[in-house]
Amino acid sequence: MTIRDRIVSAAHEVEGLRAATDEPAFRSLLGEPPKGSKWDLSQPFSCRKVDGKCQTKGVSTCGLVAVGILRRAGLKLPFVGPYWQWPRYEGLDVVSALSKLGTVTESRRPAGAMPMPGDVCCIGSSLATHVFTVVDWDGATMISVDGGQVDDAAHRYLQRVKVCRRVWPRPVVWVIDSETLWANLEAVDAYP
């Protein structure tokens, strides 16, 4: 089984998880939170700017789910919880850590690159940044497994993992090529 196949399989194993009904499994997928905190899955995620600063409630899980899927597929990522372990790296969010991982392992492909099944893809910017795992293509439609999805009223609008479909082409910020990531992941230890 290739690394792409393992990532796609791991993604399918977690599709449909809901914070409202599958909290232990959902928390396990997200991994350890930063020291001294916990993932607040009890309320819907929201973010608003107050005096130029972002104030959040709940937790957005898109990047955390993507990292959880990579870990379930057997990748040993250089993160402590969701964050980078290198002391010189100061990014405090999982999307930045994934982007950095892609750069360091030379697996990050540029904006507009077409992702393949098993790749992690980033779209959007600022508060609308979103990360997901590509699992298939249906013609020009990309099929992905996405964390950070808002559940329905019956599930209190909490976070969930869901299969999503997007028509290609679409603006892509970056793609992490899973085969190159897998091949170069050991080199991360040599980072200065």
N, C-alpha and C. Protein backbone atom coordinates (compact mmCIF):
# COMPACT_ATOMS: atom_id res chain seq x y z
N MET A 1 0.86 -1.18 0.00
CA MET A 1 0.00 0.00 0.00
C MET A 1 0.91 1.25 0.00
N THR A 2 0.65 2.18 -0.91
CA THR A 2 1.46 3.40 -0.99
C THR A 2 1.07 4.36 0.13
N ILE A 3 1.91 5.37 0.35
CA ILE A 3 1.59 6.37 1.37
C ILE A 3 0.30 7.10 1.01
N ARG A 4 0.09 7.36 -0.28
CA ARG A 4 -1.16 8.00 -0.70
C ARG A 4 -2.37 7.14 -0.31
N ASP A 5 -2.27 5.84 -0.57
CA ASP A 5 -3.36 4.93 -0.22
C ASP A 5 -3.61 4.93 1.29
N ARG A 6 -2.53 4.94 2.07
CA ARG A 6 -2.67 4.93 3.53
C ARG A 6 -3.33 6.21 4.03
N ILE A 7 -2.97 7.34 3.45
CA ILE A 7 -3.58 8.61 3.87
C ILE A 7 -5.05 8.64 3.49
N VAL A 8 -5.37 8.22 2.28
CA VAL A 8 -6.77 8.19 1.84
C VAL A 8 -7.58 7.25 2.74
N SER A 9 -7.03 6.09 3.06
CA SER A 9 -7.72 5.14 3.94
C SER A 9 -7.94 5.75 5.33
N ALA A 10 -6.91 6.41 5.87
CA ALA A 10 -7.04 7.05 7.20
C ALA A 10 -8.09 8.15 7.17
N ALA A 11 -8.16 8.88 6.06
CA ALA A 11 -9.17 9.94 5.93
C ALA A 11 -10.57 9.35 5.93
N HIS A 12 -10.75 8.28 5.19
CA HIS A 12 -12.08 7.64 5.14
C HIS A 12 -12.48 7.06 6.50
N GLU A 13 -11.51 6.64 7.29
CA GLU A 13 -11.81 6.10 8.62
C GLU A 13 -12.41 7.15 9.55
N VAL A 14 -12.06 8.42 9.35
CA VAL A 14 -12.54 9.46 10.27
C VAL A 14 -13.67 10.30 9.69
N GLU A 15 -14.00 10.10 8.42
CA GLU A 15 -15.08 10.90 7.85
C GLU A 15 -16.36 10.65 8.63
N GLY A 16 -17.10 11.71 8.88
CA GLY A 16 -18.35 11.59 9.61
C GLY A 16 -18.23 11.79 11.12
N LEU A 17 -16.99 11.87 11.65
CA LEU A 17 -16.86 12.12 13.09
C LEU A 17 -17.48 13.46 13.45
N ARG A 18 -18.19 13.47 14.59
CA ARG A 18 -18.86 14.69 15.06
C ARG A 18 -18.44 14.97 16.49
N ALA A 19 -18.13 16.24 16.77
CA ALA A 19 -17.80 16.62 18.14
C ALA A 19 -18.99 16.39 19.06
N ALA A 20 -20.19 16.54 18.53
CA ALA A 20 -21.40 16.41 19.35
C ALA A 20 -21.68 14.98 19.79
N THR A 21 -21.32 13.99 18.96
CA THR A 21 -21.68 12.61 19.27
C THR A 21 -20.49 11.67 19.38
N ASP A 22 -19.34 12.08 18.90
CA ASP A 22 -18.15 11.21 18.88
C ASP A 22 -16.97 11.90 19.57
N GLU A 23 -17.23 12.61 20.66
CA GLU A 23 -16.20 13.46 21.25
C GLU A 23 -14.90 12.73 21.58
N PRO A 24 -14.89 11.55 22.21
CA PRO A 24 -13.60 10.91 22.50
C PRO A 24 -12.79 10.60 21.23
N ALA A 25 -13.44 10.06 20.22
CA ALA A 25 -12.75 9.76 18.96
C ALA A 25 -12.30 11.04 18.27
N PHE A 26 -13.13 12.07 18.33
CA PHE A 26 -12.79 13.36 17.72
C PHE A 26 -11.56 13.95 18.41
N ARG A 27 -11.55 13.94 19.75
CA ARG A 27 -10.39 14.46 20.50
C ARG A 27 -9.13 13.67 20.19
N SER A 28 -9.25 12.36 20.08
CA SER A 28 -8.11 11.52 19.76
C SER A 28 -7.52 11.90 18.41
N LEU A 29 -8.36 12.17 17.44
CA LEU A 29 -7.91 12.58 16.11
C LEU A 29 -7.15 13.90 16.16
N LEU A 30 -7.61 14.83 16.99
CA LEU A 30 -7.00 16.16 17.05
C LEU A 30 -5.63 16.14 17.72
N GLY A 31 -5.35 15.14 18.54
CA GLY A 31 -4.06 15.10 19.23
C GLY A 31 -4.06 15.98 20.45
N GLU A 32 -2.89 16.12 21.03
CA GLU A 32 -2.74 16.89 22.26
C GLU A 32 -2.80 18.39 22.01
N PRO A 33 -3.55 19.12 22.83
CA PRO A 33 -3.56 20.58 22.71
C PRO A 33 -2.30 21.18 23.32
N PRO A 34 -2.08 22.47 23.12
CA PRO A 34 -0.92 23.12 23.75
C PRO A 34 -0.98 22.95 25.26
N LYS A 35 0.20 22.93 25.90
CA LYS A 35 0.25 22.75 27.35
C LYS A 35 -0.63 23.77 28.06
N GLY A 36 -1.33 23.28 29.08
CA GLY A 36 -2.16 24.15 29.89
C GLY A 36 -3.51 24.49 29.29
N SER A 37 -3.87 23.85 28.18
CA SER A 37 -5.18 24.14 27.58
C SER A 37 -5.84 22.84 27.14
N LYS A 38 -7.05 22.96 26.63
CA LYS A 38 -7.74 21.80 26.07
C LYS A 38 -8.55 22.27 24.88
N TRP A 39 -8.85 21.35 23.98
CA TRP A 39 -9.67 21.70 22.83
C TRP A 39 -11.09 21.93 23.31
N ASP A 40 -11.63 23.12 23.06
CA ASP A 40 -13.00 23.43 23.47
C ASP A 40 -13.94 23.04 22.33
N LEU A 41 -14.43 21.83 22.41
CA LEU A 41 -15.34 21.31 21.39
C LEU A 41 -16.80 21.49 21.78
N SER A 42 -17.06 22.14 22.92
CA SER A 42 -18.41 22.24 23.46
C SER A 42 -19.21 23.40 22.87
N GLN A 43 -18.58 24.25 22.09
CA GLN A 43 -19.30 25.36 21.48
C GLN A 43 -18.84 25.53 20.03
N PRO A 44 -19.70 26.08 19.20
CA PRO A 44 -19.31 26.29 17.80
C PRO A 44 -18.10 27.21 17.70
N PHE A 45 -17.28 26.97 16.68
CA PHE A 45 -16.14 27.85 16.47
C PHE A 45 -16.61 29.18 15.91
N SER A 46 -16.05 30.25 16.45
CA SER A 46 -16.29 31.58 15.89
C SER A 46 -15.05 32.42 16.12
N CYS A 47 -14.86 33.38 15.26
CA CYS A 47 -13.72 34.27 15.35
C CYS A 47 -14.17 35.66 14.92
N ARG A 48 -13.81 36.65 15.71
CA ARG A 48 -14.12 38.03 15.33
C ARG A 48 -12.98 38.91 15.77
N LYS A 49 -12.83 40.02 15.06
CA LYS A 49 -11.77 40.96 15.40
C LYS A 49 -12.31 42.00 16.36
N VAL A 50 -11.57 42.19 17.44
CA VAL A 50 -11.89 43.21 18.44
C VAL A 50 -10.62 44.00 18.67
N ASP A 51 -10.69 45.28 18.41
CA ASP A 51 -9.51 46.15 18.54
C ASP A 51 -8.31 45.61 17.77
N GLY A 52 -8.57 45.10 16.57
CA GLY A 52 -7.50 44.60 15.72
C GLY A 52 -6.97 43.22 16.06
N LYS A 53 -7.51 42.59 17.10
CA LYS A 53 -7.06 41.26 17.49
C LYS A 53 -8.19 40.26 17.32
N CYS A 54 -7.81 39.02 16.99
CA CYS A 54 -8.80 37.96 16.82
C CYS A 54 -9.19 37.39 18.17
N GLN A 55 -10.48 37.29 18.41
CA GLN A 55 -11.00 36.60 19.59
C GLN A 55 -11.78 35.40 19.10
N THR A 56 -11.42 34.23 19.62
CA THR A 56 -12.09 33.02 19.17
C THR A 56 -12.87 32.36 20.30
N LYS A 57 -13.84 31.57 19.90
CA LYS A 57 -14.56 30.67 20.79
C LYS A 57 -14.53 29.31 20.12
N GLY A 58 -14.49 28.27 20.92
CA GLY A 58 -14.40 26.94 20.34
C GLY A 58 -13.04 26.75 19.69
N VAL A 59 -12.96 25.79 18.77
CA VAL A 59 -11.71 25.54 18.06
C VAL A 59 -12.03 25.14 16.62
N SER A 60 -11.28 25.72 15.69
CA SER A 60 -11.39 25.32 14.29
C SER A 60 -10.53 24.07 14.11
N THR A 61 -11.07 23.06 13.50
CA THR A 61 -10.38 21.77 13.46
C THR A 61 -9.85 21.36 12.09
N CYS A 62 -9.92 22.22 11.08
CA CYS A 62 -9.52 21.76 9.74
C CYS A 62 -8.08 21.29 9.70
N GLY A 63 -7.14 22.11 10.15
CA GLY A 63 -5.73 21.73 10.13
C GLY A 63 -5.41 20.60 11.09
N LEU A 64 -6.06 20.62 12.24
CA LEU A 64 -5.84 19.56 13.24
C LEU A 64 -6.28 18.20 12.69
N VAL A 65 -7.38 18.18 11.96
CA VAL A 65 -7.86 16.92 11.36
C VAL A 65 -6.88 16.46 10.28
N ALA A 66 -6.40 17.39 9.45
CA ALA A 66 -5.43 17.01 8.41
C ALA A 66 -4.18 16.39 9.03
N VAL A 67 -3.66 16.99 10.11
CA VAL A 67 -2.50 16.44 10.81
C VAL A 67 -2.84 15.09 11.42
N GLY A 68 -4.03 14.97 12.02
CA GLY A 68 -4.45 13.70 12.61
C GLY A 68 -4.52 12.59 11.57
N ILE A 69 -4.97 12.92 10.37
CA ILE A 69 -5.04 11.93 9.29
C ILE A 69 -3.63 11.49 8.89
N LEU A 70 -2.71 12.45 8.76
CA LEU A 70 -1.32 12.10 8.42
C LEU A 70 -0.72 11.19 9.49
N ARG A 71 -0.99 11.50 10.75
CA ARG A 71 -0.46 10.66 11.83
C ARG A 71 -1.06 9.25 11.79
N ARG A 72 -2.36 9.16 11.54
CA ARG A 72 -3.01 7.84 11.46
C ARG A 72 -2.45 7.01 10.32
N ALA A 73 -1.97 7.69 9.27
CA ALA A 73 -1.38 6.99 8.13
C ALA A 73 0.05 6.55 8.42
N GLY A 74 0.58 6.95 9.58
CA GLY A 74 1.90 6.49 9.99
C GLY A 74 3.02 7.51 9.86
N LEU A 75 2.72 8.74 9.50
CA LEU A 75 3.76 9.76 9.40
C LEU A 75 4.10 10.27 10.79
N LYS A 76 5.38 10.33 11.09
CA LYS A 76 5.87 10.85 12.37
C LYS A 76 6.19 12.33 12.16
N LEU A 77 5.28 13.19 12.54
CA LEU A 77 5.42 14.62 12.30
C LEU A 77 6.18 15.30 13.43
N PRO A 78 6.95 16.33 13.11
CA PRO A 78 7.75 17.03 14.13
C PRO A 78 6.95 18.08 14.88
N PHE A 79 5.80 17.69 15.38
CA PHE A 79 4.96 18.61 16.13
C PHE A 79 4.85 18.13 17.57
N VAL A 80 4.74 19.07 18.49
CA VAL A 80 4.36 18.77 19.86
C VAL A 80 2.91 19.21 19.93
N GLY A 81 1.99 18.24 20.07
CA GLY A 81 0.59 18.59 19.88
C GLY A 81 0.46 19.06 18.45
N PRO A 82 -0.19 20.20 18.22
CA PRO A 82 -0.35 20.67 16.86
C PRO A 82 0.75 21.61 16.40
N TYR A 83 1.72 21.91 17.26
CA TYR A 83 2.67 22.97 16.95
C TYR A 83 4.07 22.44 16.73
N TRP A 84 4.83 23.21 16.01
CA TRP A 84 6.19 22.83 15.63
C TRP A 84 7.08 22.72 16.85
N GLN A 85 7.95 21.74 16.90
CA GLN A 85 8.80 21.56 18.07
C GLN A 85 10.12 22.32 17.99
N TRP A 86 10.50 22.83 16.83
CA TRP A 86 11.76 23.54 16.73
C TRP A 86 11.66 24.87 17.44
N PRO A 87 12.59 25.16 18.36
CA PRO A 87 12.49 26.38 19.16
C PRO A 87 12.55 27.67 18.34
N ARG A 88 13.23 27.63 17.19
CA ARG A 88 13.35 28.85 16.39
C ARG A 88 12.09 29.15 15.59
N TYR A 89 11.18 28.19 15.48
CA TYR A 89 9.95 28.44 14.74
C TYR A 89 8.91 28.98 15.70
N GLU A 90 8.32 30.13 15.35
CA GLU A 90 7.42 30.79 16.28
C GLU A 90 5.96 30.74 15.85
N GLY A 91 5.62 29.96 14.82
CA GLY A 91 4.23 29.85 14.40
C GLY A 91 3.40 29.18 15.47
N LEU A 92 2.25 29.73 15.74
CA LEU A 92 1.42 29.18 16.81
C LEU A 92 0.13 28.56 16.28
N ASP A 93 0.12 28.18 15.03
CA ASP A 93 -1.08 27.53 14.52
C ASP A 93 -0.67 26.36 13.63
N VAL A 94 -1.54 25.40 13.54
CA VAL A 94 -1.23 24.17 12.83
C VAL A 94 -1.12 24.40 11.32
N VAL A 95 -1.85 25.34 10.76
CA VAL A 95 -1.76 25.60 9.32
C VAL A 95 -0.37 26.13 8.98
N SER A 96 0.16 27.04 9.80
CA SER A 96 1.53 27.54 9.59
C SER A 96 2.54 26.40 9.75
N ALA A 97 2.32 25.54 10.73
CA ALA A 97 3.23 24.41 10.95
C ALA A 97 3.22 23.46 9.74
N LEU A 98 2.05 23.20 9.17
CA LEU A 98 1.97 22.36 7.98
C LEU A 98 2.69 23.02 6.80
N SER A 99 2.49 24.31 6.63
CA SER A 99 3.15 25.04 5.55
C SER A 99 4.67 24.95 5.71
N LYS A 100 5.16 25.15 6.93
CA LYS A 100 6.58 25.07 7.22
C LYS A 100 7.10 23.65 6.96
N LEU A 101 6.35 22.65 7.38
CA LEU A 101 6.73 21.26 7.14
C LEU A 101 6.88 21.01 5.64
N GLY A 102 5.94 21.51 4.86
CA GLY A 102 6.02 21.35 3.41
C GLY A 102 7.26 22.01 2.82
N THR A 103 7.62 23.18 3.34
CA THR A 103 8.81 23.88 2.86
C THR A 103 10.08 23.11 3.22
N VAL A 104 10.18 22.71 4.49
CA VAL A 104 11.39 22.04 4.97
C VAL A 104 11.61 20.69 4.28
N THR A 105 10.54 19.97 3.99
CA THR A 105 10.66 18.66 3.35
C THR A 105 10.61 18.74 1.83
N GLU A 106 10.54 19.96 1.30
CA GLU A 106 10.45 20.20 -0.15
C GLU A 106 9.24 19.51 -0.76
N SER A 107 8.20 19.33 0.03
CA SER A 107 6.98 18.69 -0.46
C SER A 107 5.87 19.70 -0.73
N ARG A 108 6.11 20.95 -0.39
CA ARG A 108 5.10 21.99 -0.61
C ARG A 108 5.18 22.46 -2.06
N ARG A 109 4.08 22.24 -2.76
CA ARG A 109 4.01 22.70 -4.15
C ARG A 109 3.35 24.07 -4.17
N PRO A 110 3.60 24.86 -5.19
CA PRO A 110 3.18 26.26 -5.19
C PRO A 110 1.68 26.45 -5.43
N ALA A 111 1.28 27.70 -5.25
CA ALA A 111 -0.11 28.10 -5.50
C ALA A 111 -0.55 27.59 -6.86
N GLY A 112 -1.76 27.09 -6.91
CA GLY A 112 -2.34 26.62 -8.16
C GLY A 112 -2.04 25.18 -8.51
N ALA A 113 -1.14 24.53 -7.77
CA ALA A 113 -0.81 23.13 -8.06
C ALA A 113 -2.04 22.26 -7.87
N MET A 114 -2.18 21.29 -8.74
CA MET A 114 -3.32 20.39 -8.66
C MET A 114 -3.00 19.26 -7.68
N PRO A 115 -3.77 19.14 -6.60
CA PRO A 115 -3.50 18.08 -5.62
C PRO A 115 -3.94 16.71 -6.12
N MET A 116 -3.30 15.69 -5.58
CA MET A 116 -3.64 14.31 -5.88
C MET A 116 -4.18 13.66 -4.61
N PRO A 117 -4.88 12.53 -4.73
CA PRO A 117 -5.35 11.84 -3.53
C PRO A 117 -4.20 11.57 -2.55
N GLY A 118 -4.44 11.89 -1.28
CA GLY A 118 -3.44 11.74 -0.24
C GLY A 118 -2.70 13.03 0.07
N ASP A 119 -2.85 14.04 -0.77
CA ASP A 119 -2.20 15.33 -0.53
C ASP A 119 -3.03 16.19 0.42
N VAL A 120 -2.33 17.06 1.17
CA VAL A 120 -2.97 18.05 2.02
C VAL A 120 -2.99 19.35 1.22
N CYS A 121 -4.12 20.01 1.21
CA CYS A 121 -4.32 21.20 0.38
C CYS A 121 -4.78 22.37 1.24
N CYS A 122 -4.26 23.57 0.95
CA CYS A 122 -4.66 24.79 1.65
C CYS A 122 -5.29 25.76 0.66
N ILE A 123 -6.47 26.27 1.02
CA ILE A 123 -7.15 27.28 0.22
C ILE A 123 -7.51 28.45 1.12
N GLY A 124 -7.82 29.58 0.53
CA GLY A 124 -8.28 30.74 1.28
C GLY A 124 -7.14 31.51 1.92
N SER A 125 -7.50 32.54 2.68
CA SER A 125 -6.49 33.36 3.35
C SER A 125 -7.09 33.97 4.61
N SER A 126 -6.20 34.42 5.46
CA SER A 126 -6.57 35.09 6.70
C SER A 126 -7.54 34.22 7.50
N LEU A 127 -8.67 34.80 7.91
CA LEU A 127 -9.64 34.04 8.71
C LEU A 127 -10.40 33.00 7.89
N ALA A 128 -10.24 33.04 6.58
CA ALA A 128 -10.93 32.08 5.70
C ALA A 128 -9.99 30.98 5.20
N THR A 129 -8.81 30.83 5.81
CA THR A 129 -7.89 29.77 5.42
C THR A 129 -8.50 28.42 5.79
N HIS A 130 -8.36 27.45 4.89
CA HIS A 130 -8.92 26.13 5.13
C HIS A 130 -7.96 25.06 4.60
N VAL A 131 -7.78 23.99 5.37
CA VAL A 131 -6.90 22.89 5.01
C VAL A 131 -7.71 21.60 5.01
N PHE A 132 -7.43 20.73 4.05
CA PHE A 132 -8.17 19.47 3.94
C PHE A 132 -7.30 18.42 3.27
N THR A 133 -7.77 17.18 3.28
CA THR A 133 -7.07 16.05 2.69
C THR A 133 -7.82 15.58 1.45
N VAL A 134 -7.16 15.57 0.32
CA VAL A 134 -7.78 15.13 -0.94
C VAL A 134 -7.84 13.61 -0.93
N VAL A 135 -9.01 13.05 -1.29
CA VAL A 135 -9.16 11.60 -1.30
C VAL A 135 -9.48 11.03 -2.68
N ASP A 136 -9.97 11.86 -3.61
CA ASP A 136 -10.33 11.33 -4.92
C ASP A 136 -10.66 12.47 -5.87
N TRP A 137 -10.85 12.12 -7.12
CA TRP A 137 -11.32 13.04 -8.15
C TRP A 137 -12.48 12.37 -8.86
N ASP A 138 -13.50 13.15 -9.21
CA ASP A 138 -14.61 12.69 -10.04
C ASP A 138 -14.69 13.67 -11.20
N GLY A 139 -13.98 13.35 -12.27
CA GLY A 139 -13.87 14.30 -13.37
C GLY A 139 -13.13 15.54 -12.90
N ALA A 140 -13.79 16.70 -13.00
CA ALA A 140 -13.19 17.96 -12.56
C ALA A 140 -13.56 18.31 -11.12
N THR A 141 -14.14 17.36 -10.40
CA THR A 141 -14.54 17.61 -9.02
C THR A 141 -13.57 16.92 -8.06
N MET A 142 -12.96 17.73 -7.20
CA MET A 142 -12.06 17.22 -6.18
C MET A 142 -12.90 16.78 -4.98
N ILE A 143 -12.61 15.59 -4.45
CA ILE A 143 -13.31 15.06 -3.28
C ILE A 143 -12.31 15.04 -2.14
N SER A 144 -12.72 15.58 -1.00
CA SER A 144 -11.80 15.70 0.14
C SER A 144 -12.50 15.32 1.43
N VAL A 145 -11.69 15.05 2.45
CA VAL A 145 -12.19 14.85 3.80
C VAL A 145 -11.71 16.07 4.59
N ASP A 146 -12.68 16.82 5.13
CA ASP A 146 -12.41 18.12 5.75
C ASP A 146 -12.84 18.14 7.20
N GLY A 147 -11.92 18.54 8.07
CA GLY A 147 -12.29 18.92 9.42
C GLY A 147 -12.77 20.36 9.37
N GLY A 148 -13.16 20.89 10.51
CA GLY A 148 -13.58 22.29 10.56
C GLY A 148 -14.93 22.55 9.92
N GLN A 149 -15.68 21.52 9.66
CA GLN A 149 -17.00 21.70 9.07
C GLN A 149 -18.03 21.95 10.18
N VAL A 150 -18.99 22.80 9.89
CA VAL A 150 -20.02 23.14 10.87
C VAL A 150 -21.16 22.14 10.76
N ASP A 151 -21.49 21.53 11.88
CA ASP A 151 -22.55 20.54 11.91
C ASP A 151 -23.92 21.23 11.88
N ASP A 152 -24.98 20.45 11.88
CA ASP A 152 -26.34 21.00 11.79
C ASP A 152 -26.89 21.36 13.18
N ALA A 153 -28.09 21.93 13.19
CA ALA A 153 -28.71 22.38 14.43
C ALA A 153 -28.90 21.24 15.43
N ALA A 154 -29.24 20.05 14.92
CA ALA A 154 -29.46 18.90 15.80
C ALA A 154 -28.18 18.52 16.54
N HIS A 155 -27.03 18.92 16.00
CA HIS A 155 -25.73 18.64 16.61
C HIS A 155 -25.07 19.92 17.12
N ARG A 156 -25.89 20.93 17.40
CA ARG A 156 -25.50 22.20 18.03
C ARG A 156 -24.46 23.00 17.24
N TYR A 157 -24.37 22.78 15.93
CA TYR A 157 -23.45 23.53 15.06
C TYR A 157 -21.99 23.35 15.47
N LEU A 158 -21.68 22.24 16.11
CA LEU A 158 -20.30 21.99 16.54
C LEU A 158 -19.47 21.50 15.36
N GLN A 159 -18.18 21.28 15.58
CA GLN A 159 -17.27 20.85 14.53
C GLN A 159 -17.55 19.40 14.12
N ARG A 160 -17.25 19.11 12.86
CA ARG A 160 -17.38 17.75 12.36
C ARG A 160 -16.41 17.52 11.23
N VAL A 161 -16.21 16.27 10.86
CA VAL A 161 -15.39 15.87 9.72
C VAL A 161 -16.36 15.42 8.64
N LYS A 162 -16.16 15.92 7.44
CA LYS A 162 -17.15 15.70 6.39
C LYS A 162 -16.47 15.53 5.03
N VAL A 163 -17.07 14.75 4.16
CA VAL A 163 -16.61 14.65 2.78
C VAL A 163 -17.15 15.87 2.03
N CYS A 164 -16.25 16.56 1.33
CA CYS A 164 -16.63 17.76 0.57
C CYS A 164 -16.24 17.59 -0.89
N ARG A 165 -16.92 18.33 -1.74
CA ARG A 165 -16.65 18.30 -3.18
C ARG A 165 -16.44 19.73 -3.67
N ARG A 166 -15.39 19.93 -4.45
CA ARG A 166 -15.07 21.25 -5.00
C ARG A 166 -14.75 21.11 -6.48
N VAL A 167 -15.33 21.97 -7.28
CA VAL A 167 -15.06 21.95 -8.72
C VAL A 167 -13.68 22.58 -8.97
N TRP A 168 -12.89 21.92 -9.80
CA TRP A 168 -11.57 22.40 -10.18
C TRP A 168 -11.70 23.14 -11.50
N PRO A 169 -10.97 24.18 -11.80
CA PRO A 169 -9.89 24.73 -10.98
C PRO A 169 -10.43 25.68 -9.93
N ARG A 170 -9.65 25.84 -8.89
CA ARG A 170 -9.98 26.78 -7.82
C ARG A 170 -8.67 27.33 -7.27
N PRO A 171 -8.73 28.49 -6.64
CA PRO A 171 -7.49 29.05 -6.08
C PRO A 171 -6.93 28.17 -4.96
N VAL A 172 -5.70 27.73 -5.12
CA VAL A 172 -5.03 26.90 -4.12
C VAL A 172 -3.81 27.67 -3.63
N VAL A 173 -3.65 27.77 -2.31
CA VAL A 173 -2.51 28.47 -1.72
C VAL A 173 -1.27 27.57 -1.79
N TRP A 174 -1.41 26.33 -1.32
CA TRP A 174 -0.33 25.35 -1.42
C TRP A 174 -0.88 23.94 -1.30
N VAL A 175 -0.06 23.00 -1.75
CA VAL A 175 -0.36 21.57 -1.66
C VAL A 175 0.87 20.89 -1.07
N ILE A 176 0.67 20.01 -0.12
CA ILE A 176 1.76 19.18 0.37
C ILE A 176 1.65 17.83 -0.34
N ASP A 177 2.65 17.55 -1.18
CA ASP A 177 2.71 16.30 -1.92
C ASP A 177 3.08 15.19 -0.94
N SER A 178 2.17 14.27 -0.71
CA SER A 178 2.36 13.26 0.33
C SER A 178 3.53 12.32 0.03
N GLU A 179 3.78 12.01 -1.23
CA GLU A 179 4.90 11.12 -1.55
C GLU A 179 6.24 11.79 -1.24
N THR A 180 6.38 13.06 -1.61
CA THR A 180 7.62 13.78 -1.32
C THR A 180 7.77 13.99 0.18
N LEU A 181 6.67 14.30 0.87
CA LEU A 181 6.71 14.45 2.33
C LEU A 181 7.22 13.17 2.96
N TRP A 182 6.65 12.05 2.58
CA TRP A 182 7.04 10.75 3.12
C TRP A 182 8.51 10.47 2.85
N ALA A 183 8.96 10.75 1.64
CA ALA A 183 10.35 10.47 1.26
C ALA A 183 11.34 11.35 1.99
N ASN A 184 10.96 12.59 2.32
CA ASN A 184 11.90 13.55 2.89
C ASN A 184 11.68 13.84 4.38
N LEU A 185 10.73 13.18 5.01
CA LEU A 185 10.40 13.49 6.39
C LEU A 185 11.58 13.27 7.34
N GLU A 186 12.39 12.26 7.11
CA GLU A 186 13.52 12.00 8.00
C GLU A 186 14.52 13.16 8.01
N ALA A 187 14.61 13.90 6.90
CA ALA A 187 15.55 15.02 6.81
C ALA A 187 15.17 16.16 7.73
N VAL A 188 13.93 16.16 8.23
CA VAL A 188 13.47 17.24 9.13
C VAL A 188 14.33 17.29 10.38
N ASP A 189 14.81 16.15 10.84
CA ASP A 189 15.65 16.12 12.04
C ASP A 189 16.92 16.95 11.87
N ALA A 190 17.36 17.14 10.63
CA ALA A 190 18.60 17.87 10.38
C ALA A 190 18.39 19.37 10.28
N TYR A 191 17.17 19.83 10.47
CA TYR A 191 16.89 21.26 10.35
C TYR A 191 17.68 22.03 11.42
N PRO A 192 18.34 23.14 11.02
CA PRO A 192 19.16 23.89 11.99
C PRO A 192 18.34 24.52 13.09
